[in-house]
C-alpha atoms as a PDB file:
ATOM      1  CA  MET A   1     -51.603  82.774  20.434  1.00  0.00           C
ATOM      2  CA  ALA A   2     -54.705  84.397  21.880  1.00  0.00           C
ATOM      3  CA  HIS A   3     -55.988  83.974  25.424  1.00  0.00           C
ATOM      4  CA  TRP A   4     -59.530  83.582  26.688  1.00  0.00           C
ATOM      5  CA  LEU A   5     -61.633  83.125  29.788  1.00  0.00           C
ATOM      6  CA  ILE A   6     -64.384  80.511  29.639  1.00  0.00           C
ATOM      7  CA  LYS A   7     -67.042  80.191  32.310  1.00  0.00           C
ATOM      8  CA  SER A   8     -68.888  77.140  33.531  1.00  0.00           C
ATOM      9  CA  GLU A   9     -70.988  76.457  36.581  1.00  0.00           C
ATOM     10  CA  PRO A  10     -69.021  73.719  38.375  1.00  0.00           C
ATOM     11  CA  GLU A  11     -72.156  71.701  39.107  1.00  0.00           C
ATOM     12  CA  ALA A  12     -72.867  71.629  35.346  1.00  0.00           C
ATOM     13  CA  TYR A  13     -69.298  71.020  34.122  1.00  0.00           C
ATOM     14  CA  SER A  14     -66.234  71.518  36.296  1.00  0.00           C
ATOM     15  CA  PHE A  15     -62.543  71.720  35.520  1.00  0.00           C
ATOM     16  CA  ASP A  16     -62.106  68.407  37.354  1.00  0.00           C
ATOM     17  CA  GLN A  17     -64.591  66.866  34.919  1.00  0.00           C
ATOM     18  CA  LEU A  18     -62.592  68.241  31.975  1.00  0.00           C
ATOM     19  CA  VAL A  19     -59.478  66.611  33.441  1.00  0.00           C
ATOM     20  CA  ARG A  20     -61.339  63.278  33.752  1.00  0.00           C
ATOM     21  CA  ASP A  21     -62.793  63.555  30.237  1.00  0.00           C
ATOM     22  CA  ARG A  22     -59.454  64.744  28.767  1.00  0.00           C
ATOM     23  CA  LYS A  23     -61.404  66.702  26.128  1.00  0.00           C
ATOM     24  CA  THR A  24     -64.830  68.272  25.759  1.00  0.00           C
ATOM     25  CA  ALA A  25     -66.959  70.118  23.251  1.00  0.00           C
ATOM     26  CA  TRP A  26     -67.777  73.602  24.572  1.00  0.00           C
ATOM     27  CA  THR A  27     -71.426  73.841  23.619  1.00  0.00           C
ATOM     28  CA  GLY A  28     -74.519  75.700  24.719  1.00  0.00           C
ATOM     29  CA  VAL A  29     -73.186  79.230  24.206  1.00  0.00           C
ATOM     30  CA  ARG A  30     -76.262  81.289  23.327  1.00  0.00           C
ATOM     31  CA  ASN A  31     -74.957  84.831  23.143  1.00  0.00           C
ATOM     32  CA  TYR A  32     -73.788  86.270  19.822  1.00  0.00           C
ATOM     33  CA  ALA A  33     -70.722  88.056  21.240  1.00  0.00           C
ATOM     34  CA  ALA A  34     -69.613  84.910  23.106  1.00  0.00           C
ATOM     35  CA  ARG A  35     -70.284  82.807  19.991  1.00  0.00           C
ATOM     36  CA  ASN A  36     -68.136  85.160  17.936  1.00  0.00           C
ATOM     37  CA  ASN A  37     -65.371  84.793  20.526  1.00  0.00           C
ATOM     38  CA  LEU A  38     -65.583  81.008  20.109  1.00  0.00           C
ATOM     39  CA  ARG A  39     -65.297  81.460  16.346  1.00  0.00           C
ATOM     40  CA  ALA A  40     -62.177  83.602  16.791  1.00  0.00           C
ATOM     41  CA  MET A  41     -60.328  80.878  18.719  1.00  0.00           C
ATOM     42  CA  LYS A  42     -57.448  79.050  17.073  1.00  0.00           C
ATOM     43  CA  LYS A  43     -56.000  75.639  17.846  1.00  0.00           C
ATOM     44  CA  GLY A  44     -53.464  76.047  20.642  1.00  0.00           C
ATOM     45  CA  ASP A  45     -55.060  79.145  22.175  1.00  0.00           C
ATOM     46  CA  GLN A  46     -55.269  78.894  25.950  1.00  0.00           C
ATOM     47  CA  ALA A  47     -58.214  79.684  28.173  1.00  0.00           C
ATOM     48  CA  LEU A  48     -58.636  80.370  31.854  1.00  0.00           C
ATOM     49  CA  PHE A  49     -61.319  78.014  33.188  1.00  0.00           C
ATOM     50  CA  TYR A  50     -63.595  80.003  35.502  1.00  0.00           C
ATOM     51  CA  HIS A  51     -66.116  78.416  37.855  1.00  0.00           C
ATOM     52  CA  SER A  52     -69.118  80.737  37.893  1.00  0.00           C
ATOM     53  CA  ASN A  53     -71.878  81.003  40.507  1.00  0.00           C
ATOM     54  CA  VAL A  54     -70.282  78.536  42.945  1.00  0.00           C
ATOM     55  CA  GLY A  55     -66.703  79.461  43.749  1.00  0.00           C
ATOM     56  CA  LYS A  56     -66.426  82.405  41.337  1.00  0.00           C
ATOM     57  CA  ALA A  57     -62.769  81.705  40.601  1.00  0.00           C
ATOM     58  CA  VAL A  58     -60.334  80.703  37.891  1.00  0.00           C
ATOM     59  CA  VAL A  59     -59.328  77.147  38.726  1.00  0.00           C
ATOM     60  CA  GLY A  60     -57.361  75.930  35.709  1.00  0.00           C
ATOM     61  CA  VAL A  61     -56.057  76.381  32.186  1.00  0.00           C
ATOM     62  CA  ALA A  62     -57.438  74.678  29.084  1.00  0.00           C
ATOM     63  CA  LYS A  63     -56.390  74.792  25.447  1.00  0.00           C
ATOM     64  CA  VAL A  64     -58.276  74.774  22.163  1.00  0.00           C
ATOM     65  CA  VAL A  65     -57.812  71.421  20.433  1.00  0.00           C
ATOM     66  CA  ARG A  66     -60.458  71.883  17.730  1.00  0.00           C
ATOM     67  CA  GLU A  67     -61.444  75.224  16.276  1.00  0.00           C
ATOM     68  CA  ALA A  68     -65.039  76.389  15.947  1.00  0.00           C
ATOM     69  CA  TYR A  69     -67.493  74.120  14.171  1.00  0.00           C
ATOM     70  CA  ALA A  70     -71.249  74.152  13.812  1.00  0.00           C
ATOM     71  CA  GLU A  71     -73.012  72.981  16.945  1.00  0.00           C
ATOM     72  CA  GLU A  72     -75.712  70.463  16.187  1.00  0.00           C
ATOM     73  CA  THR A  73     -78.841  72.294  17.267  1.00  0.00           C
ATOM     74  CA  ASP A  74     -82.188  73.386  15.933  1.00  0.00           C
ATOM     75  CA  GLU A  75     -81.839  76.692  17.786  1.00  0.00           C
ATOM     76  CA  GLY A  76     -79.955  78.683  15.136  1.00  0.00           C
ATOM     77  CA  ASP A  77     -76.408  79.422  13.998  1.00  0.00           C
ATOM     78  CA  TRP A  78     -74.304  78.404  16.995  1.00  0.00           C
ATOM     79  CA  SER A  79     -70.760  77.115  17.291  1.00  0.00           C
ATOM     80  CA  ALA A  80     -68.740  74.802  19.513  1.00  0.00           C
ATOM     81  CA  VAL A  81     -65.015  74.527  20.254  1.00  0.00           C
ATOM     82  CA  ASP A  82     -63.188  71.544  21.739  1.00  0.00           C
ATOM     83  CA  PHE A  83     -61.008  72.077  24.813  1.00  0.00           C
ATOM     84  CA  ALA A  84     -58.500  69.882  26.628  1.00  0.00           C
ATOM     85  CA  PRO A  85     -57.068  70.552  30.089  1.00  0.00           C
ATOM     86  CA  VAL A  86     -53.570  71.998  30.440  1.00  0.00           C
ATOM     87  CA  LYS A  87     -53.216  72.295  34.202  1.00  0.00           C
ATOM     88  CA  ALA A  88     -55.082  73.050  37.381  1.00  0.00           C
ATOM     89  CA  LEU A  89     -53.997  76.085  39.359  1.00  0.00           C
ATOM     90  CA  ARG A  90     -52.569  75.379  42.822  1.00  0.00           C
ATOM     91  CA  GLU A  91     -55.041  77.827  44.314  1.00  0.00           C
ATOM     92  CA  PRO A  92     -58.239  79.229  42.795  1.00  0.00           C
ATOM     93  CA  VAL A  93     -57.989  82.901  41.833  1.00  0.00           C
ATOM     94  CA  THR A  94     -61.218  84.400  43.084  1.00  0.00           C
ATOM     95  CA  LEU A  95     -63.208  87.121  41.430  1.00  0.00           C
ATOM     96  CA  ALA A  96     -62.481  89.327  44.442  1.00  0.00           C
ATOM     97  CA  ALA A  97     -58.718  88.767  44.115  1.00  0.00           C
ATOM     98  CA  MET A  98     -58.874  89.530  40.389  1.00  0.00           C
ATOM     99  CA  ARG A  99     -60.734  92.803  41.061  1.00  0.00           C
ATOM    100  CA  GLU A 100     -57.911  93.891  43.379  1.00  0.00           C
ATOM    101  CA  HIS A 101     -55.022  92.917  41.075  1.00  0.00           C
ATOM    102  CA  PRO A 102     -53.421  96.000  39.452  1.00  0.00           C
ATOM    103  CA  THR A 103     -52.776  94.234  36.118  1.00  0.00           C
ATOM    104  CA  LEU A 104     -56.435  93.274  35.749  1.00  0.00           C
ATOM    105  CA  THR A 105     -58.150  96.663  36.052  1.00  0.00           C
ATOM    106  CA  ASP A 106     -59.099  96.851  32.350  1.00  0.00           C
ATOM    107  CA  MET A 107     -60.288  93.277  31.819  1.00  0.00           C
ATOM    108  CA  VAL A 108     -63.233  92.742  29.478  1.00  0.00           C
ATOM    109  CA  LEU A 109     -64.721  90.747  32.371  1.00  0.00           C
ATOM    110  CA  TRP A 110     -65.500  93.987  34.200  1.00  0.00           C
ATOM    111  CA  LYS A 111     -67.295  95.476  31.195  1.00  0.00           C
ATOM    112  CA  GLN A 112     -69.048  92.359  29.885  1.00  0.00           C
ATOM    113  CA  GLY A 113     -69.278  90.211  32.987  1.00  0.00           C
ATOM    114  CA  ARG A 114     -72.240  88.173  31.811  1.00  0.00           C
ATOM    115  CA  LEU A 115     -70.440  86.792  28.740  1.00  0.00           C
ATOM    116  CA  SER A 116     -69.402  83.165  29.126  1.00  0.00           C
ATOM    117  CA  VAL A 117     -66.495  83.439  26.671  1.00  0.00           C
ATOM    118  CA  ILE A 118     -64.285  86.525  26.709  1.00  0.00           C
ATOM    119  CA  PRO A 119     -60.836  87.500  25.468  1.00  0.00           C
ATOM    120  CA  VAL A 120     -58.044  88.264  27.922  1.00  0.00           C
ATOM    121  CA  THR A 121     -54.684  89.846  27.176  1.00  0.00           C
ATOM    122  CA  ALA A 122     -51.431  87.929  27.529  1.00  0.00           C
ATOM    123  CA  ALA A 123     -50.567  90.068  30.565  1.00  0.00           C
ATOM    124  CA  GLU A 124     -53.938  89.337  32.204  1.00  0.00           C
ATOM    125  CA  PHE A 125     -53.588  85.622  31.488  1.00  0.00           C
ATOM    126  CA  SER A 126     -50.057  85.537  32.946  1.00  0.00           C
ATOM    127  CA  ALA A 127     -51.061  87.522  36.040  1.00  0.00           C
ATOM    128  CA  ILE A 128     -53.943  85.179  36.845  1.00  0.00           C
ATOM    129  CA  VAL A 129     -51.897  82.018  36.266  1.00  0.00           C
ATOM    130  CA  ALA A 130     -49.071  83.426  38.413  1.00  0.00           C
ATOM    131  CA  ALA A 131     -51.530  84.313  41.203  1.00  0.00           C
ATOM    132  CA  GLY A 132     -52.963  80.792  41.101  1.00  0.00           C
ATOM    133  CA  ASN A 133     -49.563  79.139  41.233  1.00  0.00           C
ATOM    134  CA  LYS A 134     -48.022  81.088  44.120  1.00  0.00           C
ATOM    135  CA  LYS A 135     -46.694  78.868  46.836  1.00  0.00           C
ATOM    136  CA  ALA A 136     -48.744  79.115  50.002  1.00  0.00           C
END
């Protein structure tokens, strides 16, 4: 199983909305590298759900329930993937906290921060989930 980080502005589509919807098509990705990451996803892969702009934090975990398919658009060769929620984190893991975490120093996020869909290692995924589920 591979692991990913997917970004969404919470005012556009939040993790809470994904929980309410129980499933969503991840559409609107208009960067070739991010699109290729969508195409690499397999059913069952898990993704960290990151609220960008407002909050700047990982707030939950989602899973791929439908692999990449052609997005209906007149804008070119783009793909979509369907996600379902797995669980919300007890506490958001902020961008600042991730920058300070020793396991996360080599994340793709630091090199390609503008991508909305990026791979993460199993160790990075586990570290972020553990940080978000620590008891206060």
